Protein backbone atom coordinates (compact mmCIF):
# COMPACT_ATOMS: atom_id res chain seq x y z
CA UNK A 1 3.18 34.98 -19.72
CA UNK A 2 2.65 31.40 -20.95
CA UNK A 3 6.01 30.34 -19.52
CA UNK A 4 5.02 31.66 -16.09
CA UNK A 5 1.70 29.79 -16.30
CA UNK A 6 3.43 26.55 -17.30
CA UNK A 7 5.97 26.98 -14.49
CA UNK A 8 3.15 27.45 -11.97
CA UNK A 9 1.35 24.39 -13.36
CA UNK A 10 4.51 22.28 -13.09
CA UNK A 11 5.07 23.44 -9.50
CA UNK A 12 1.47 22.62 -8.61
CA UNK A 13 1.78 19.16 -10.13
CA UNK A 14 5.02 18.57 -8.28
CA UNK A 15 3.31 19.52 -5.02
CA UNK A 16 0.35 17.27 -5.86
CA UNK A 17 2.74 14.43 -6.59
CA UNK A 18 4.53 14.92 -3.29
CA UNK A 19 1.24 15.15 -1.36
CA UNK A 20 -0.19 12.15 -3.20
CA UNK A 21 2.93 10.14 -2.43
CA UNK A 22 2.77 10.77 1.29
CA UNK A 23 -0.91 9.92 1.39
CA UNK A 24 -1.08 7.00 -1.04
CA UNK A 25 2.17 5.05 -0.87
CA UNK A 26 2.57 2.24 1.61
CA UNK A 27 5.82 2.04 3.51
CA UNK A 28 7.02 -1.37 2.34
CA UNK A 29 10.16 -2.47 0.56
CA UNK A 30 8.36 -2.70 -2.78
CA UNK A 31 6.56 0.62 -3.41
CA UNK A 32 3.04 -0.07 -4.56
CA UNK A 33 0.02 2.16 -4.59
CA UNK A 34 -3.56 1.17 -4.94
CA UNK A 35 -6.77 2.54 -6.29
CA UNK A 36 -9.74 1.14 -4.40
CA UNK A 37 -13.41 1.04 -5.14
CA UNK A 38 -15.32 1.29 -1.90
CA UNK A 39 -18.73 -0.21 -2.67
CA UNK A 40 -20.19 -2.71 -0.16
CA UNK A 41 -18.94 -6.25 -0.71
CA UNK A 42 -22.45 -7.66 -0.43
CA UNK A 43 -23.38 -6.36 -3.89
CA UNK A 44 -21.66 -8.81 -6.23
CA UNK A 45 -22.27 -9.70 -9.86
CA UNK A 46 -21.44 -12.76 -11.88
CA UNK A 47 -19.77 -12.24 -15.28
CA UNK A 48 -19.22 -12.75 -18.15
CA UNK A 49 -22.57 -13.28 -19.86
CA UNK A 50 -22.93 -16.83 -21.11
CA UNK A 51 -23.50 -17.61 -24.76
CA UNK A 52 -26.18 -20.06 -25.80
CA UNK A 53 -23.58 -22.68 -26.75
CA UNK A 54 -21.91 -22.87 -23.33
CA UNK A 55 -22.76 -25.83 -21.13
CA UNK A 56 -23.34 -25.58 -17.39
CA UNK A 57 -19.89 -27.12 -16.75
CA UNK A 58 -18.23 -24.51 -19.01
CA UNK A 59 -20.19 -21.78 -17.24
CA UNK A 60 -18.83 -22.85 -13.85
CA UNK A 61 -15.24 -22.60 -15.06
CA UNK A 62 -15.67 -19.20 -16.77
CA UNK A 63 -17.69 -17.37 -14.11
CA UNK A 64 -15.83 -14.65 -12.24
CA UNK A 65 -17.19 -13.05 -9.09
CA UNK A 66 -16.71 -9.31 -9.18
CA UNK A 67 -16.15 -7.75 -5.76
CA UNK A 68 -14.57 -4.60 -4.39
CA UNK A 69 -11.22 -4.39 -6.16
CA UNK A 70 -7.88 -2.78 -5.50
CA UNK A 71 -5.85 -2.12 -8.66
CA UNK A 72 -2.13 -1.55 -8.12
CA UNK A 73 0.80 -0.40 -10.24
CA UNK A 74 4.51 -0.91 -9.74
CA UNK A 75 7.66 -1.15 -11.77
CA UNK A 76 8.02 -4.67 -13.20
CA UNK A 77 10.89 -6.24 -11.27
CA UNK A 78 9.64 -9.82 -11.60
CA UNK A 79 10.08 -12.06 -14.61
CA UNK A 80 6.86 -12.53 -16.54
CA UNK A 81 6.10 -14.57 -19.63
CA UNK A 82 3.01 -15.39 -21.68
CA UNK A 83 2.08 -18.19 -19.27
CA UNK A 84 1.64 -15.90 -16.26
CA UNK A 85 0.85 -12.40 -17.62
CA UNK A 86 -0.52 -10.35 -20.50
CA UNK A 87 1.72 -7.85 -22.31
CA UNK A 88 1.33 -4.56 -24.14
CA UNK A 89 3.91 -2.10 -25.51
CA UNK A 90 2.37 1.38 -25.32
CA UNK A 91 5.22 3.38 -26.79
CA UNK A 92 8.41 2.32 -28.45
CA UNK A 93 11.15 4.72 -27.43
CA UNK A 94 14.66 4.48 -26.06
CA UNK A 95 13.76 5.22 -22.43
CA UNK A 96 11.18 2.50 -21.87
CA UNK A 97 9.91 1.40 -18.49
CA UNK A 98 8.10 -1.86 -17.79
CA UNK A 99 5.26 -1.49 -15.31
CA UNK A 100 2.81 -4.09 -14.04
CA UNK A 101 -0.85 -3.68 -13.14
CA UNK A 102 -2.33 -6.13 -10.64
CA UNK A 103 -5.66 -6.46 -8.87
CA UNK A 104 -6.96 -8.37 -5.88
CA UNK A 105 -10.41 -8.89 -7.48
CA UNK A 106 -11.49 -8.94 -11.11
CA UNK A 107 -12.36 -5.67 -12.84
CA UNK A 108 -14.01 -5.36 -16.24
CA UNK A 109 -13.16 -3.41 -19.38
CA UNK A 110 -9.57 -2.67 -18.35
CA UNK A 111 -7.92 -0.05 -20.58
CA UNK A 112 -4.45 1.44 -20.90
CA UNK A 113 -4.71 5.14 -21.79
CA UNK A 114 -2.48 7.82 -23.25
CA UNK A 115 -3.04 11.09 -21.38
CA UNK A 116 -2.49 14.49 -22.95
CA UNK A 117 -3.47 18.13 -22.48
CA UNK A 118 -3.33 17.89 -18.68
CA UNK A 119 -4.81 21.05 -17.21
CA UNK A 120 -6.72 22.24 -14.17
CA UNK A 121 -10.37 22.95 -14.91
CA UNK A 122 -12.67 25.55 -13.40
CA UNK A 123 -13.49 22.94 -10.73
CA UNK A 124 -9.80 23.04 -9.67
CA UNK A 125 -9.40 19.34 -10.61
CA UNK A 126 -6.96 17.96 -13.15
CA UNK A 127 -8.45 16.93 -16.49
CA UNK A 128 -6.87 15.12 -19.43
CA UNK A 129 -7.64 14.21 -22.98
CA UNK A 130 -7.50 10.40 -23.13
CA UNK A 131 -6.85 7.95 -25.94
CA UNK A 132 -7.34 4.20 -25.54
CA UNK A 133 -4.12 2.39 -26.45
CA UNK A 134 -5.05 -1.12 -25.31
CA UNK A 135 -8.03 -2.86 -23.78
CA UNK A 136 -8.92 -6.27 -22.47
CA UNK A 137 -12.23 -7.62 -21.14
CA UNK A 138 -10.92 -8.18 -17.59
CA UNK A 139 -7.95 -7.74 -15.32
CA UNK A 140 -7.88 -10.64 -12.87
CA UNK A 141 -5.79 -11.44 -9.78
CA UNK A 142 -4.13 -14.44 -11.41
CA UNK A 143 -3.04 -12.62 -14.60
CA UNK A 144 -1.31 -9.22 -14.30
CA UNK A 145 -0.80 -6.88 -17.25
CA UNK A 146 2.79 -5.86 -18.04
CA UNK A 147 3.00 -2.60 -20.00
CA UNK A 148 6.10 -1.20 -21.64
CA UNK A 149 5.79 2.58 -21.76
CA UNK A 150 7.59 5.90 -21.41
CA UNK A 151 7.14 8.61 -18.77
CA UNK A 152 7.58 12.18 -20.01
CA UNK A 153 8.16 15.11 -17.65
CA UNK A 154 6.12 16.10 -14.63
CA UNK A 155 2.62 15.80 -16.10
CA UNK A 156 1.39 12.18 -16.28
CA UNK A 157 1.06 10.77 -19.79
CA UNK A 158 -0.03 7.22 -18.84
CA UNK A 159 -3.35 6.15 -17.40
CA UNK A 160 -5.82 3.33 -16.95
CA UNK A 161 -9.55 2.89 -16.64
CA UNK A 162 -11.76 0.02 -15.59
CA UNK A 163 -15.35 -0.75 -14.67
CA UNK A 164 -16.01 -1.82 -11.10
CA UNK A 165 -18.53 -4.38 -9.86
CA UNK A 166 -21.32 -1.77 -9.83
CA UNK A 167 -20.73 -0.72 -13.43
CA UNK A 168 -18.94 2.54 -12.51
CA UNK A 169 -15.97 3.52 -14.68
CA UNK A 170 -12.86 4.68 -12.81
CA UNK A 171 -10.05 6.55 -14.57
CA UNK A 172 -6.56 6.95 -13.08
CA UNK A 173 -3.33 8.68 -13.99
CA UNK A 174 -0.17 6.65 -13.49
CA UNK A 175 2.25 8.99 -11.77
CA UNK A 176 5.81 8.76 -10.52
CA UNK A 177 6.90 10.03 -7.13
CA UNK A 178 9.37 12.90 -7.20
CA UNK A 179 10.89 11.58 -3.97
CA UNK A 180 11.79 7.98 -4.78
CA UNK A 181 10.53 7.28 -8.31
CA UNK A 182 7.87 4.81 -7.15
CA UNK A 183 4.63 4.60 -9.11
CA UNK A 184 1.17 5.43 -7.85
CA UNK A 185 -2.35 5.95 -9.20
CA UNK A 186 -4.62 8.94 -8.68
CA UNK A 187 -8.18 9.19 -9.93
CA UNK A 188 -9.36 11.99 -12.20
CA UNK A 189 -12.58 12.85 -14.03
């Protein structure tokens, strides 16, 4: 009975992946999918908070305007080093994949998550148990995050979360298309 249930769950996830791919993936040479926050651009905040020891000149160079942001994920095909990206190794295993997270506007409290226990709830939405593997205060357009990780099976095991300009936390699964292997993000609760 459990095997039948797992088989149905896998089939449903495969269908969700295929549907998500058709809806979310742009048709460009480099597959890239985005997760957008859709709050009005007029509501912007300045961050980070300034300490008492910072001068006005230092404040001008450290201020970041938070606006509507689009966070993207793709397989890392470019060459990155410590001068142009941040790095994190999520899992050390033989079948590692390097992926890169980018954004077109700064987001706060960016986290890389391990997802487990993926299951559909009574609300017919997918839910996961999450564990924070890595976090940084911001993800900014000029400094992508390169993550070395592993993808296991059909149920996503990698995820991210971040706080948008309005203070709302968004949590996404990093999934791989069953059609072409491209990566995409889908939001879950």
